[in-house]
Structure formats: C-alpha cells, structure tokens
Amino acid sequence: MTADLRRISDRLASEGYLTLAPHLYGRGFKPRCMIATIRAHFADTGVAYDDITAAREYLVGDPRCNGRIGLIGFCMGAGFVLQLSPRGLFDVAAAQYGLAPKNIEKLARSCPVVASYGAKDRIVKQGSASALESVLTQGRVDHDVKEYPDAGHSFMNKSGIPAPFTIIETLAGFSYSQPEAEDAWNRTLAFFAKYLTQTPDPSGLSEQNGANDASTN
C-alpha cells in the first residue's frame, strides 16, 4: 500500500468507516499487473473487477458491517468506480477525476454518485464533469458533481515522489491542491454519511451495527 492510499484509507477509517483497499497490482510482476489492470479498466471486465467485487463481499461478511457499502476511487480507480456503479453492488460511489465509460448512458442506472474534477486536468477529457452530471440528472440519480476551475489532475492525491521528479507531475498537470481537496473530501464524506449511515429505528428496537463501510481503490 502506498503512503497516499494509506492516508486516504486512514481518513475514511477516522470517520468510522470499515475500510478496505484491494491491491489491484498484487498478482505477480508489478508492471505486468499494471498493464492488465489498465486493460481491464477499458474492457469493463477482468481480474481487477473480480478483486473489487471480492473486497465488497469480504466487507459484507464482516460482523462490523451494517450491510451498506460505498466505493471510492481516484484517477483510474475512479474509472472503475464509474464502471461498477450501475451494477447494483454498491449503495454510493465516489469518483475523483475518473474517465467516464464510453457507454456513459448506462450511468443513468447508477447508484448515487459524488464526483470531483479539475478544469485544468490534462488527463481526463474536458467536459467529463458536465457529461456525467447530465446523464445522472436524466436518470434521476442523486448526485453531487463539481468541477474546480483552478485544479488539475490528481488534486486530492499526494504522490510523495522525490523532489527532482516533481517536474514530471507538473508537466502532466498533476498537483495536490489543499483547498479543492478539502472541499472535495467534505462533499464526499457528507454524501457517504447520507447513504452509509444506518438510520436508527424510532422505536429503539432495531439492532444496530457500530460501523459503516467503504471500499477504496
């Protein structure tokens, strides 16, 4: 697990969520795994999807789980989130600067979605945020989609790469931006709380689980 993924997972856990980060590059030689994962992302099928689904099943089987599962992803991970959100597996999805699927119309059947984009992103196609918001609106899917005018790609991530190589991030338009990152986090956590927090029974007779759940990739 990278330091950044640990930071993200810890933040979700600090909010009381049972958090699991599946290792999508853990099946052998890392470069080969990365290539397979990228191919799976665009093919909408493959081992990466199996691993994410297995992570969901693991959480559902945990006695601390209340049965509600959220999915969050960043960059390519957000692409997986958008591909998986219409499959009926998750109660809420958070996609941070993710590529929308080619058949974006299927997202009209998505679970509720919170998504964040940067207007200065050089990786994600311009107009992705508005296209996503449009199809979710047409499908009457509850959503919170926001594009930040001064943010680039990966503005919620801290890569931690050595200083001499940060020029590569700059050229690619990758840059952490705290104001936008914090706003995106606040929106994401509010959306997760809406759909993952178990509503108490007014009679006081319902059985409560002490934790809610999120799967991150």
C-alpha atoms as a PDB file:
ATOM      1  CA  MET A   1       0.000   0.000   0.000  1.00  0.00           C
ATOM      2  CA  THR A   2       1.361   3.427  -0.919  1.00  0.00           C
ATOM      3  CA  ALA A   3       1.621   6.160   1.681  1.00  0.00           C
ATOM      4  CA  ASP A   4      -1.075   8.126  -0.143  1.00  0.00           C
ATOM      5  CA  LEU A   5      -3.504   5.214  -0.231  1.00  0.00           C
ATOM      6  CA  ARG A   6      -2.802   4.631   3.455  1.00  0.00           C
ATOM      7  CA  ARG A   7      -3.575   8.315   4.128  1.00  0.00           C
ATOM      8  CA  ILE A   8      -6.861   8.079   2.221  1.00  0.00           C
ATOM      9  CA  SER A   9      -7.851   4.827   3.934  1.00  0.00           C
ATOM     10  CA  ASP A  10      -6.993   6.234   7.352  1.00  0.00           C
ATOM     11  CA  ARG A  11      -9.132   9.283   6.689  1.00  0.00           C
ATOM     12  CA  LEU A  12     -12.148   7.129   5.896  1.00  0.00           C
ATOM     13  CA  ALA A  13     -11.465   4.928   8.917  1.00  0.00           C
ATOM     14  CA  SER A  14     -11.210   8.009  11.144  1.00  0.00           C
ATOM     15  CA  GLU A  15     -14.788   8.830  10.133  1.00  0.00           C
ATOM     16  CA  GLY A  16     -15.904   5.458  11.485  1.00  0.00           C
ATOM     17  CA  TYR A  17     -15.977   3.521   8.219  1.00  0.00           C
ATOM     18  CA  LEU A  18     -14.804  -0.063   7.922  1.00  0.00           C
ATOM     19  CA  THR A  19     -12.293   0.467   5.122  1.00  0.00           C
ATOM     20  CA  LEU A  20     -10.656  -1.984   2.730  1.00  0.00           C
ATOM     21  CA  ALA A  21      -8.216  -1.137  -0.078  1.00  0.00           C
ATOM     22  CA  PRO A  22      -7.864  -4.006  -2.589  1.00  0.00           C
ATOM     23  CA  HIS A  23      -4.378  -4.440  -4.064  1.00  0.00           C
ATOM     24  CA  LEU A  24      -5.010  -4.350  -7.814  1.00  0.00           C
ATOM     25  CA  TYR A  25      -1.310  -4.759  -8.661  1.00  0.00           C
ATOM     26  CA  GLY A  26      -0.583  -7.692  -6.371  1.00  0.00           C
ATOM     27  CA  ARG A  27      -0.840 -10.659  -8.728  1.00  0.00           C
ATOM     28  CA  GLY A  28       2.788 -11.118  -9.747  1.00  0.00           C
ATOM     29  CA  PHE A  29       5.238  -8.872 -11.631  1.00  0.00           C
ATOM     30  CA  LYS A  30       4.029  -5.324 -10.945  1.00  0.00           C
ATOM     31  CA  PRO A  31       4.436  -3.801 -14.453  1.00  0.00           C
ATOM     32  CA  ARG A  32       2.525  -6.729 -15.928  1.00  0.00           C
ATOM     33  CA  CYS A  33      -0.193  -6.331 -13.298  1.00  0.00           C
ATOM     34  CA  MET A  34      -0.458  -2.626 -14.048  1.00  0.00           C
ATOM     35  CA  ILE A  35      -0.893  -3.307 -17.769  1.00  0.00           C
ATOM     36  CA  ALA A  36      -3.554  -5.936 -17.042  1.00  0.00           C
ATOM     37  CA  THR A  37      -5.376  -3.531 -14.732  1.00  0.00           C
ATOM     38  CA  ILE A  38      -5.362  -0.749 -17.329  1.00  0.00           C
ATOM     39  CA  ARG A  39      -6.716  -3.158 -19.938  1.00  0.00           C
ATOM     40  CA  ALA A  40      -9.413  -4.328 -17.538  1.00  0.00           C
ATOM     41  CA  HIS A  41     -10.423  -0.734 -16.904  1.00  0.00           C
ATOM     42  CA  PHE A  42     -11.140  -0.093 -20.570  1.00  0.00           C
ATOM     43  CA  ALA A  43     -12.575  -3.555 -21.259  1.00  0.00           C
ATOM     44  CA  ASP A  44     -15.068  -3.322 -18.378  1.00  0.00           C
ATOM     45  CA  THR A  45     -14.113  -6.854 -17.326  1.00  0.00           C
ATOM     46  CA  GLY A  46     -11.147  -8.670 -15.823  1.00  0.00           C
ATOM     47  CA  VAL A  47      -9.372  -9.640 -12.625  1.00  0.00           C
ATOM     48  CA  ALA A  48      -9.392  -6.086 -11.244  1.00  0.00           C
ATOM     49  CA  TYR A  49     -13.192  -6.086 -11.222  1.00  0.00           C
ATOM     50  CA  ASP A  50     -13.148  -9.506  -9.576  1.00  0.00           C
ATOM     51  CA  ASP A  51     -10.838  -8.186  -6.849  1.00  0.00           C
ATOM     52  CA  ILE A  52     -13.036  -5.155  -6.158  1.00  0.00           C
ATOM     53  CA  THR A  53     -16.138  -7.338  -6.025  1.00  0.00           C
ATOM     54  CA  ALA A  54     -14.336  -9.755  -3.685  1.00  0.00           C
ATOM     55  CA  ALA A  55     -13.438  -6.826  -1.434  1.00  0.00           C
ATOM     56  CA  ARG A  56     -17.106  -5.910  -1.277  1.00  0.00           C
ATOM     57  CA  GLU A  57     -18.077  -9.471  -0.341  1.00  0.00           C
ATOM     58  CA  TYR A  58     -15.407  -9.505   2.361  1.00  0.00           C
ATOM     59  CA  LEU A  59     -16.852  -6.344   3.899  1.00  0.00           C
ATOM     60  CA  VAL A  60     -20.408  -7.656   3.730  1.00  0.00           C
ATOM     61  CA  GLY A  61     -19.289 -10.733   5.653  1.00  0.00           C
ATOM     62  CA  ASP A  62     -17.615  -8.735   8.408  1.00  0.00           C
ATOM     63  CA  PRO A  63     -19.812  -8.649  11.553  1.00  0.00           C
ATOM     64  CA  ARG A  64     -18.993  -4.953  11.989  1.00  0.00           C
ATOM     65  CA  CYS A  65     -20.601  -4.143   8.635  1.00  0.00           C
ATOM     66  CA  ASN A  66     -24.129  -2.719   8.570  1.00  0.00           C
ATOM     67  CA  GLY A  67     -24.667  -4.048   5.048  1.00  0.00           C
ATOM     68  CA  ARG A  68     -24.220  -0.755   3.241  1.00  0.00           C
ATOM     69  CA  ILE A  69     -21.153  -0.473   1.034  1.00  0.00           C
ATOM     70  CA  GLY A  70     -19.591   2.539  -0.641  1.00  0.00           C
ATOM     71  CA  LEU A  71     -16.877   2.626  -3.292  1.00  0.00           C
ATOM     72  CA  ILE A  72     -14.305   5.375  -3.785  1.00  0.00           C
ATOM     73  CA  GLY A  73     -11.592   5.711  -6.395  1.00  0.00           C
ATOM     74  CA  PHE A  74      -9.091   8.228  -7.709  1.00  0.00           C
ATOM     75  CA  CYS A  75      -7.853   8.606 -11.301  1.00  0.00           C
ATOM     76  CA  MET A  76      -8.025   5.119 -12.869  1.00  0.00           C
ATOM     77  CA  GLY A  77      -9.657   3.876  -9.684  1.00  0.00           C
ATOM     78  CA  ALA A  78     -12.441   6.390 -10.285  1.00  0.00           C
ATOM     79  CA  GLY A  79     -12.891   4.890 -13.737  1.00  0.00           C
ATOM     80  CA  PHE A  80     -13.501   1.514 -12.103  1.00  0.00           C
ATOM     81  CA  VAL A  81     -15.965   3.203  -9.751  1.00  0.00           C
ATOM     82  CA  LEU A  82     -17.993   4.601 -12.646  1.00  0.00           C
ATOM     83  CA  GLN A  83     -17.967   1.249 -14.442  1.00  0.00           C
ATOM     84  CA  LEU A  84     -19.179  -0.544 -11.303  1.00  0.00           C
ATOM     85  CA  SER A  85     -21.722   1.987 -10.047  1.00  0.00           C
ATOM     86  CA  PRO A  86     -24.630   0.745 -12.246  1.00  0.00           C
ATOM     87  CA  ARG A  87     -24.188  -2.926 -11.321  1.00  0.00           C
ATOM     88  CA  GLY A  88     -26.298  -2.841  -8.163  1.00  0.00           C
ATOM     89  CA  LEU A  89     -23.419  -3.793  -5.872  1.00  0.00           C
ATOM     90  CA  PHE A  90     -22.841  -0.513  -4.056  1.00  0.00           C
ATOM     91  CA  ASP A  91     -25.014   1.943  -2.152  1.00  0.00           C
ATOM     92  CA  VAL A  92     -22.969   5.014  -3.057  1.00  0.00           C
ATOM     93  CA  ALA A  93     -19.949   5.761  -5.252  1.00  0.00           C
ATOM     94  CA  ALA A  94     -17.272   8.466  -5.156  1.00  0.00           C
ATOM     95  CA  ALA A  95     -15.332   9.059  -8.378  1.00  0.00           C
ATOM     96  CA  GLN A  96     -12.489  11.564  -8.170  1.00  0.00           C
ATOM     97  CA  TYR A  97     -11.327  12.734 -11.636  1.00  0.00           C
ATOM     98  CA  GLY A  98     -12.239   9.471 -13.330  1.00  0.00           C
ATOM     99  CA  LEU A  99     -12.693   8.671 -17.001  1.00  0.00           C
ATOM    100  CA  ALA A 100     -16.351   8.139 -17.815  1.00  0.00           C
ATOM    101  CA  PRO A 101     -17.201   4.901 -19.640  1.00  0.00           C
ATOM    102  CA  LYS A 102     -17.704   5.111 -23.405  1.00  0.00           C
ATOM    103  CA  ASN A 103     -21.300   3.989 -22.969  1.00  0.00           C
ATOM    104  CA  ILE A 104     -21.912   6.704 -20.402  1.00  0.00           C
ATOM    105  CA  GLU A 105     -25.675   6.298 -20.802  1.00  0.00           C
ATOM    106  CA  LYS A 106     -25.546   3.245 -18.524  1.00  0.00           C
ATOM    107  CA  LEU A 107     -24.780   5.577 -15.605  1.00  0.00           C
ATOM    108  CA  ALA A 108     -28.429   6.616 -15.701  1.00  0.00           C
ATOM    109  CA  ARG A 109     -28.922   3.374 -13.703  1.00  0.00           C
ATOM    110  CA  SER A 110     -26.120   4.153 -11.260  1.00  0.00           C
ATOM    111  CA  CYS A 111     -26.209   4.214  -7.508  1.00  0.00           C
ATOM    112  CA  PRO A 112     -25.865   7.749  -6.037  1.00  0.00           C
ATOM    113  CA  VAL A 113     -22.605   9.383  -7.165  1.00  0.00           C
ATOM    114  CA  VAL A 114     -20.365  12.119  -5.800  1.00  0.00           C
ATOM    115  CA  ALA A 115     -17.635  13.157  -8.234  1.00  0.00           C
ATOM    116  CA  SER A 116     -14.915  15.798  -8.408  1.00  0.00           C
ATOM    117  CA  TYR A 117     -12.959  17.100 -11.399  1.00  0.00           C
ATOM    118  CA  GLY A 118     -10.381  19.766 -12.159  1.00  0.00           C
ATOM    119  CA  ALA A 119     -10.953  22.127 -15.087  1.00  0.00           C
ATOM    120  CA  LYS A 120      -7.189  22.164 -15.746  1.00  0.00           C
ATOM    121  CA  ASP A 121      -6.942  18.359 -15.917  1.00  0.00           C
ATOM    122  CA  ARG A 122      -4.772  17.215 -18.851  1.00  0.00           C
ATOM    123  CA  ILE A 123      -5.638  13.540 -18.442  1.00  0.00           C
ATOM    124  CA  VAL A 124      -9.426  13.471 -18.232  1.00  0.00           C
ATOM    125  CA  LYS A 125     -11.303  14.739 -21.268  1.00  0.00           C
ATOM    126  CA  GLN A 126     -12.685  18.239 -20.881  1.00  0.00           C
ATOM    127  CA  GLY A 127     -16.435  18.228 -20.428  1.00  0.00           C
ATOM    128  CA  SER A 128     -16.407  14.959 -18.480  1.00  0.00           C
ATOM    129  CA  ALA A 129     -17.943  16.557 -15.399  1.00  0.00           C
ATOM    130  CA  SER A 130     -20.828  18.123 -17.312  1.00  0.00           C
ATOM    131  CA  ALA A 131     -21.410  14.915 -19.304  1.00  0.00           C
ATOM    132  CA  LEU A 132     -21.554  12.878 -16.097  1.00  0.00           C
ATOM    133  CA  GLU A 133     -23.881  15.342 -14.410  1.00  0.00           C
ATOM    134  CA  SER A 134     -26.157  15.366 -17.453  1.00  0.00           C
ATOM    135  CA  VAL A 135     -26.631  11.598 -17.612  1.00  0.00           C
ATOM    136  CA  LEU A 136     -27.134  11.310 -13.842  1.00  0.00           C
ATOM    137  CA  THR A 137     -29.731  14.079 -13.966  1.00  0.00           C
ATOM    138  CA  GLN A 138     -31.540  12.392 -16.849  1.00  0.00           C
ATOM    139  CA  GLY A 139     -31.577   9.130 -14.906  1.00  0.00           C
ATOM    140  CA  ARG A 140     -32.784  10.895 -11.752  1.00  0.00           C
ATOM    141  CA  VAL A 141     -29.764   9.567  -9.894  1.00  0.00           C
ATOM    142  CA  ASP A 142     -28.908  11.524  -6.771  1.00  0.00           C
ATOM    143  CA  HIS A 143     -25.513  13.116  -7.344  1.00  0.00           C
ATOM    144  CA  ASP A 144     -23.034  15.817  -6.440  1.00  0.00           C
ATOM    145  CA  VAL A 145     -20.700  16.560  -9.349  1.00  0.00           C
ATOM    146  CA  LYS A 146     -18.336  19.510  -9.104  1.00  0.00           C
ATOM    147  CA  GLU A 147     -15.564  20.830 -11.332  1.00  0.00           C
ATOM    148  CA  TYR A 148     -12.930  23.046  -9.700  1.00  0.00           C
ATOM    149  CA  PRO A 149     -11.749  25.795 -12.097  1.00  0.00           C
ATOM    150  CA  ASP A 150      -8.194  26.054 -10.728  1.00  0.00           C
ATOM    151  CA  ALA A 151      -7.483  22.352 -10.115  1.00  0.00           C
ATOM    152  CA  GLY A 152      -5.614  19.920 -12.345  1.00  0.00           C
ATOM    153  CA  HIS A 153      -5.489  16.144 -12.294  1.00  0.00           C
ATOM    154  CA  SER A 154      -4.871  14.264  -9.054  1.00  0.00           C
ATOM    155  CA  PHE A 155      -5.558  17.320  -6.888  1.00  0.00           C
ATOM    156  CA  MET A 156      -6.624  15.141  -3.944  1.00  0.00           C
ATOM    157  CA  ASN A 157      -3.541  12.908  -4.073  1.00  0.00           C
ATOM    158  CA  LYS A 158      -0.111  13.365  -2.500  1.00  0.00           C
ATOM    159  CA  SER A 159       2.273  11.322  -4.615  1.00  0.00           C
ATOM    160  CA  GLY A 160       5.326  11.646  -2.393  1.00  0.00           C
ATOM    161  CA  ILE A 161       7.734  11.249  -5.322  1.00  0.00           C
ATOM    162  CA  PRO A 162      11.285  12.630  -4.848  1.00  0.00           C
ATOM    163  CA  ALA A 163      11.662  16.364  -5.468  1.00  0.00           C
ATOM    164  CA  PRO A 164      13.800  16.051  -8.649  1.00  0.00           C
ATOM    165  CA  PHE A 165      10.943  14.211 -10.351  1.00  0.00           C
ATOM    166  CA  THR A 166       8.133  16.595  -9.440  1.00  0.00           C
ATOM    167  CA  ILE A 167       8.698  18.350 -12.773  1.00  0.00           C
ATOM    168  CA  ILE A 168       7.108  15.283 -14.399  1.00  0.00           C
ATOM    169  CA  GLU A 169       3.980  15.827 -12.334  1.00  0.00           C
ATOM    170  CA  THR A 170       3.957  19.499 -13.268  1.00  0.00           C
ATOM    171  CA  LEU A 171       4.236  18.765 -16.989  1.00  0.00           C
ATOM    172  CA  ALA A 172       1.447  16.204 -16.745  1.00  0.00           C
ATOM    173  CA  GLY A 173      -0.751  18.617 -14.813  1.00  0.00           C
ATOM    174  CA  PHE A 174      -0.663  16.531 -11.615  1.00  0.00           C
ATOM    175  CA  SER A 175      -0.736  18.659  -8.479  1.00  0.00           C
ATOM    176  CA  TYR A 176      -2.167  18.401  -4.975  1.00  0.00           C
ATOM    177  CA  SER A 177      -4.280  21.425  -4.059  1.00  0.00           C
ATOM    178  CA  GLN A 178      -5.409  21.596  -0.446  1.00  0.00           C
ATOM    179  CA  PRO A 179      -8.410  23.982  -0.739  1.00  0.00           C
ATOM    180  CA  GLU A 180     -10.023  21.963  -3.515  1.00  0.00           C
ATOM    181  CA  ALA A 181      -9.023  18.658  -1.922  1.00  0.00           C
ATOM    182  CA  GLU A 182     -10.605  19.553   1.399  1.00  0.00           C
ATOM    183  CA  ASP A 183     -13.794  20.760  -0.243  1.00  0.00           C
ATOM    184  CA  ALA A 184     -13.989  17.552  -2.274  1.00  0.00           C
ATOM    185  CA  TRP A 185     -13.400  15.481   0.862  1.00  0.00           C
ATOM    186  CA  ASN A 186     -16.133  17.334   2.753  1.00  0.00           C
ATOM    187  CA  ARG A 187     -18.597  16.753  -0.082  1.00  0.00           C
ATOM    188  CA  THR A 188     -17.609  13.090  -0.341  1.00  0.00           C
ATOM    189  CA  LEU A 189     -17.939  12.431   3.377  1.00  0.00           C
ATOM    190  CA  ALA A 190     -21.305  14.205   3.532  1.00  0.00           C
ATOM    191  CA  PHE A 191     -22.556  12.059   0.651  1.00  0.00           C
ATOM    192  CA  PHE A 192     -21.235   8.880   2.251  1.00  0.00           C
ATOM    193  CA  ALA A 193     -22.872   9.770   5.556  1.00  0.00           C
ATOM    194  CA  LYS A 194     -26.185  10.212   3.752  1.00  0.00           C
ATOM    195  CA  TYR A 195     -26.134   6.734   2.227  1.00  0.00           C
ATOM    196  CA  LEU A 196     -23.951   4.618   4.513  1.00  0.00           C
ATOM    197  CA  THR A 197     -25.110   5.696   7.953  1.00  0.00           C
ATOM    198  CA  GLN A 198     -27.757   3.405   9.369  1.00  0.00           C
ATOM    199  CA  THR A 199     -30.868   5.333  10.353  1.00  0.00           C
ATOM    200  CA  PRO A 200     -31.911   4.483  13.923  1.00  0.00           C
ATOM    201  CA  ASP A 201     -35.308   2.860  14.389  1.00  0.00           C
ATOM    202  CA  PRO A 202     -37.603   5.430  16.101  1.00  0.00           C
ATOM    203  CA  SER A 203     -38.965   2.628  18.283  1.00  0.00           C
ATOM    204  CA  GLY A 204     -35.469   1.985  19.614  1.00  0.00           C
ATOM    205  CA  LEU A 205     -35.916  -1.739  18.980  1.00  0.00           C
ATOM    206  CA  SER A 206     -33.712  -2.169  15.930  1.00  0.00           C
ATOM    207  CA  GLU A 207     -30.374  -3.937  16.150  1.00  0.00           C
ATOM    208  CA  GLN A 208     -27.507  -1.580  15.342  1.00  0.00           C
ATOM    209  CA  ASN A 209     -24.062  -2.248  13.915  1.00  0.00           C
ATOM    210  CA  GLY A 210     -21.341   0.060  15.127  1.00  0.00           C
ATOM    211  CA  ALA A 211     -19.670   0.748  11.808  1.00  0.00           C
ATOM    212  CA  ASN A 212     -20.444   1.664   8.248  1.00  0.00           C
ATOM    213  CA  ASP A 213     -18.375   0.688   5.281  1.00  0.00           C
ATOM    214  CA  ALA A 214     -16.341   1.941   2.369  1.00  0.00           C
ATOM    215  CA  SER A 215     -14.149   0.153  -0.122  1.00  0.00           C
ATOM    216  CA  THR A 216     -11.366   2.210  -1.620  1.00  0.00           C
ATOM    217  CA  ASN A 217      -9.154   1.595  -4.631  1.00  0.00           C
END
